[in-house]
Protein backbone atom coordinates (compact mmCIF):
# COMPACT_ATOMS: atom_id res chain seq x y z
CA MET A 1 -36.38 0.11 15.10
CA GLY A 2 -37.64 -0.82 12.06
CA THR A 3 -36.45 -0.51 8.63
CA ALA A 4 -39.84 1.42 7.66
CA GLU A 5 -39.26 3.78 10.44
CA ALA A 6 -35.48 4.11 9.74
CA SER A 7 -36.10 4.85 6.11
CA GLU A 8 -38.73 7.64 6.85
CA GLY A 9 -36.04 9.25 9.24
CA ILE A 10 -33.38 9.65 6.26
CA ILE A 11 -35.55 10.58 3.12
CA HIS A 12 -37.05 13.76 4.89
CA TYR A 13 -40.90 12.85 5.66
CA LEU A 14 -43.86 15.40 6.06
CA PRO A 15 -43.43 17.14 2.61
CA LYS A 16 -45.88 20.26 2.39
CA GLU A 17 -46.40 21.89 -0.65
CA ILE A 18 -46.78 25.85 -0.50
CA PHE A 19 -46.89 26.77 -3.98
CA SER A 20 -47.64 25.10 -7.18
CA GLY A 21 -44.52 22.75 -7.57
CA ILE A 22 -42.74 24.26 -4.59
CA VAL A 23 -42.49 21.69 -1.63
CA ILE A 24 -41.07 22.16 1.83
CA ASN A 25 -39.71 19.00 3.94
CA MET A 26 -41.29 20.19 7.18
CA GLN A 27 -39.22 17.65 8.96
CA THR A 28 -36.38 19.36 7.86
CA MET A 29 -38.02 22.75 9.18
CA TYR A 30 -38.52 20.71 12.62
CA MET A 31 -34.84 19.92 13.05
CA SER A 32 -33.77 23.15 12.22
CA TRP A 33 -35.70 24.83 14.81
CA LEU A 34 -34.68 22.20 17.15
CA THR A 35 -31.13 23.06 16.40
CA MET A 36 -31.70 26.80 16.70
CA ALA A 37 -33.66 25.86 20.32
CA ILE A 38 -30.76 23.76 21.59
CA VAL A 39 -27.99 26.24 20.49
CA ALA A 40 -30.04 28.83 22.12
CA ALA A 41 -30.65 26.97 25.30
CA ILE A 42 -26.68 26.04 25.69
CA VAL A 43 -25.73 29.94 25.22
CA PHE A 44 -28.57 31.08 27.71
CA ALA A 45 -27.04 28.29 30.48
CA ALA A 46 -23.71 29.55 29.57
CA THR A 47 -24.15 33.12 30.08
CA ARG A 48 -27.09 32.93 32.65
CA LYS A 49 -24.94 33.49 35.59
CA ALA A 50 -21.60 34.40 33.89
CA GLU A 51 -18.46 34.16 36.43
CA ILE A 52 -15.08 35.55 36.31
CA ILE A 53 -13.86 31.96 36.66
CA PRO A 54 -16.13 29.99 34.59
CA SER A 55 -17.55 26.61 35.47
CA GLY A 56 -19.86 24.12 33.96
CA MET A 57 -21.69 24.77 30.88
CA GLN A 58 -20.08 28.23 30.61
CA ASN A 59 -16.69 26.82 30.92
CA VAL A 60 -17.27 24.32 27.70
CA VAL A 61 -18.89 27.23 25.85
CA GLU A 62 -15.87 29.64 26.54
CA VAL A 63 -13.52 27.12 25.26
CA PHE A 64 -15.00 26.81 21.88
CA VAL A 65 -15.43 30.53 21.73
CA ASP A 66 -11.90 31.28 22.60
CA TRP A 67 -10.75 28.59 20.22
CA LEU A 68 -12.64 29.97 17.27
CA ASN A 69 -11.72 33.38 18.15
CA GLY A 70 -7.98 32.07 18.06
CA LEU A 71 -8.48 30.63 14.43
CA MET A 72 -10.35 33.74 13.38
CA GLU A 73 -7.26 35.91 14.75
CA SER A 74 -4.70 33.92 13.06
CA ASN A 75 -6.62 33.86 9.48
CA MET A 76 -8.47 37.40 9.45
CA GLY A 77 -6.49 39.47 12.17
CA ILE A 78 -7.96 41.26 15.15
CA GLU A 79 -10.22 43.60 12.91
CA GLY A 80 -11.93 40.32 11.21
CA ARG A 81 -12.34 38.81 14.37
CA ARG A 82 -13.99 41.83 15.77
CA THR A 83 -16.29 41.74 12.71
CA VAL A 84 -17.45 38.32 12.08
CA ALA A 85 -16.72 36.39 15.31
CA PRO A 86 -20.69 36.27 16.02
CA PHE A 87 -21.42 34.86 12.84
CA VAL A 88 -18.54 32.39 12.53
CA ILE A 89 -19.72 31.22 16.30
CA THR A 90 -23.11 31.02 15.72
CA LEU A 91 -22.62 29.04 12.40
CA PHE A 92 -20.23 26.92 14.10
CA LEU A 93 -22.91 26.05 16.99
CA TYR A 94 -25.40 25.32 14.70
CA ILE A 95 -23.82 22.82 12.34
CA PHE A 96 -21.87 20.99 15.17
CA VAL A 97 -25.56 21.00 17.07
CA GLY A 98 -27.04 19.99 13.80
CA ASN A 99 -24.33 17.38 12.93
CA GLU A 100 -25.09 15.38 16.14
CA ILE A 101 -28.88 15.52 16.31
CA GLY A 102 -28.70 12.92 13.75
CA LEU A 103 -26.60 10.34 15.62
CA LEU A 104 -29.54 9.81 18.22
CA PRO A 105 -32.02 7.72 15.89
CA GLN A 106 -32.89 5.50 19.51
CA ILE A 107 -34.53 8.27 21.03
CA GLY A 108 -36.89 8.74 18.05
CA PRO A 109 -36.96 7.34 14.15
CA HIS A 110 -37.27 10.63 12.99
CA LEU A 111 -34.56 12.58 14.93
CA THR A 112 -32.14 13.50 12.04
CA SER A 113 -29.69 16.09 11.37
CA PRO A 114 -30.90 19.14 9.41
CA THR A 115 -27.69 19.36 7.88
CA ASN A 116 -28.31 16.03 5.49
CA ASP A 117 -30.56 17.60 3.67
CA ILE A 118 -28.96 19.44 0.65
CA ASN A 119 -31.48 22.42 0.97
CA VAL A 120 -29.87 23.30 4.34
CA ALA A 121 -26.38 22.84 3.41
CA PHE A 122 -26.87 25.12 0.21
CA GLY A 123 -28.58 27.29 2.53
CA LEU A 124 -25.69 27.59 4.87
CA SER A 125 -22.88 27.84 1.97
CA ILE A 126 -24.74 30.62 0.03
CA THR A 127 -25.14 32.75 3.24
CA VAL A 128 -21.42 32.48 3.63
CA SER A 129 -21.02 33.66 -0.11
CA LEU A 130 -23.23 36.71 0.64
CA THR A 131 -21.64 37.66 3.76
CA VAL A 132 -18.36 37.51 1.66
CA TYR A 133 -19.58 39.82 -0.83
CA LEU A 134 -21.38 42.11 1.81
CA LEU A 135 -18.19 42.55 3.95
CA GLY A 136 -16.01 43.14 0.68
CA VAL A 137 -18.37 45.91 -0.57
CA MET A 138 -18.79 47.54 2.95
CA LYS A 139 -15.17 47.62 3.25
CA GLN A 140 -13.80 48.26 -0.34
CA GLY A 141 -16.96 49.75 -2.15
CA PRO A 142 -17.91 48.50 -5.54
CA GLY A 143 -14.20 48.04 -6.53
CA TYR A 144 -14.27 44.77 -4.31
CA PHE A 145 -15.67 42.85 -7.54
CA LYS A 146 -12.36 44.16 -9.51
CA HIS A 147 -11.04 40.73 -8.54
CA PHE A 148 -13.32 39.13 -11.05
CA VAL A 149 -10.90 40.52 -14.05
CA GLN A 150 -7.68 40.06 -12.15
CA PRO A 151 -4.73 39.50 -13.27
CA PHE A 152 -6.45 40.26 -16.85
CA ALA A 153 -10.25 40.34 -18.06
CA ALA A 154 -9.84 37.44 -20.00
CA MET A 155 -10.01 35.43 -16.40
CA LEU A 156 -13.62 36.61 -15.92
CA PRO A 157 -15.41 33.46 -16.95
CA LEU A 158 -13.00 31.32 -14.96
CA ASN A 159 -13.05 33.58 -12.03
CA ILE A 160 -16.85 33.68 -11.79
CA LEU A 161 -16.61 29.63 -12.14
CA GLU A 162 -14.54 29.47 -9.26
CA GLU A 163 -16.69 31.71 -7.16
CA LEU A 164 -19.71 29.56 -8.05
CA SER A 165 -17.98 26.30 -7.19
CA LYS A 166 -16.91 27.49 -3.44
CA PRO A 167 -20.65 27.24 -2.23
CA LEU A 168 -21.17 23.93 -4.16
CA THR A 169 -18.34 22.36 -2.73
CA MET A 170 -18.79 23.57 0.56
CA ALA A 171 -22.57 22.31 0.72
CA LEU A 172 -21.78 18.91 -0.97
CA ARG A 173 -19.13 17.98 1.38
CA LEU A 174 -21.06 18.69 4.70
CA PHE A 175 -24.30 17.19 2.94
CA GLY A 176 -22.50 14.13 1.68
CA ASN A 177 -20.67 13.31 4.91
CA ILE A 178 -23.56 13.68 7.56
CA LEU A 179 -26.30 11.70 5.00
CA ALA A 180 -23.85 8.88 4.64
CA GLY A 181 -22.99 8.51 8.49
CA GLU A 182 -26.61 8.77 9.22
CA ILE A 183 -27.80 6.05 6.62
CA LEU A 184 -24.90 3.97 7.86
CA LEU A 185 -26.12 4.33 11.29
CA VAL A 186 -29.43 2.82 10.37
CA VAL A 187 -28.06 -0.06 8.34
CA LEU A 188 -25.90 -1.14 11.34
CA TYR A 189 -29.24 -0.53 13.52
CA MET A 190 -30.78 -3.08 11.52
CA LEU A 191 -28.01 -5.53 11.27
CA ALA A 192 -26.76 -5.39 14.80
CA PRO A 193 -28.94 -3.14 17.02
CA TRP A 194 -26.49 -3.05 20.00
CA VAL A 195 -22.54 -3.03 20.15
CA ILE A 196 -21.49 -1.64 16.33
CA PRO A 197 -24.17 1.22 16.28
CA ASN A 198 -23.07 2.53 19.79
CA LEU A 199 -19.45 2.13 18.64
CA TRP A 200 -20.13 3.99 15.24
CA ILE A 201 -22.18 6.44 17.18
CA GLY A 202 -18.75 7.52 19.25
CA PHE A 203 -16.95 7.94 15.56
CA SER A 204 -20.04 9.78 14.14
CA LEU A 205 -19.55 12.35 16.83
CA ILE A 206 -15.90 13.10 16.00
CA ILE A 207 -17.10 13.20 12.31
CA GLY A 208 -20.13 15.67 13.22
CA PHE A 209 -17.41 17.85 15.08
CA LEU A 210 -15.11 17.79 12.18
CA GLN A 211 -17.21 18.50 9.52
CA ALA A 212 -18.53 21.91 11.62
CA PHE A 213 -14.81 22.63 11.78
CA ILE A 214 -14.17 22.25 8.13
CA PHE A 215 -17.14 24.16 7.16
CA THR A 216 -16.62 27.11 9.81
CA MET A 217 -12.41 27.01 8.77
CA LEU A 218 -13.61 27.34 4.83
CA THR A 219 -15.76 30.29 6.04
CA MET A 220 -12.80 31.97 7.70
CA ILE A 221 -10.81 31.45 4.66
CA ALA A 222 -13.46 32.64 2.11
CA ILE A 223 -13.80 36.03 4.69
CA ALA A 224 -9.96 36.40 4.95
CA PRO A 225 -9.33 37.95 1.60
CA VAL A 226 -11.83 40.92 2.54
CA PHE A 227 -9.58 42.11 5.26
CA LYS A 228 -6.28 41.55 3.85
CA MET A 229 -7.38 43.43 0.67
CA HIS A 230 -8.88 46.38 2.95
CA HIS A 231 -5.42 46.64 4.43
């Protein structure tokens, strides 16, 4: 893989201007669609012939689902798990698969993670924040937002700042770790195209999983107060 090809894969080629000054990175769109297709294919393969005693892909998916259900129940209670399980499981699978796609540049120079685009990372974190607000209003009505003026009204600016910082830090953590890993992988391929990059891929697979896990855990932690305050 040459330097030019490697660089193209990291900087998001195929920009497309849809309105004046508004540009969409079509590479990010394509990789997002590919990630969704892979997740859908995995779930379809796991549920197509579901058995009481799981095996193969069904067994792998059920391990992740049971693990995530346990985390949700311990953080949000049974009601929280029942309410948000589809959202949290889908979020984890998308981020996990998306993180790992970019670790296979030998398949194609433009195969990158959609999560190494700050726009995707922000989109995910903002979706989490909106989900928290929606659940809060559903469970507690408009009174959910009274926590912005607690313990007293003068805390309103700081509470707003805290709310804004949550999606920002979630997005930057995911984006920074995945982008840095892919850049380092490209550099290693240019310097030593055989042994070292393959060792780094093994390490990066773990990093991709950990980043998906961290983002998902932060999502659970953000949602948990909704159900605790409800009770």
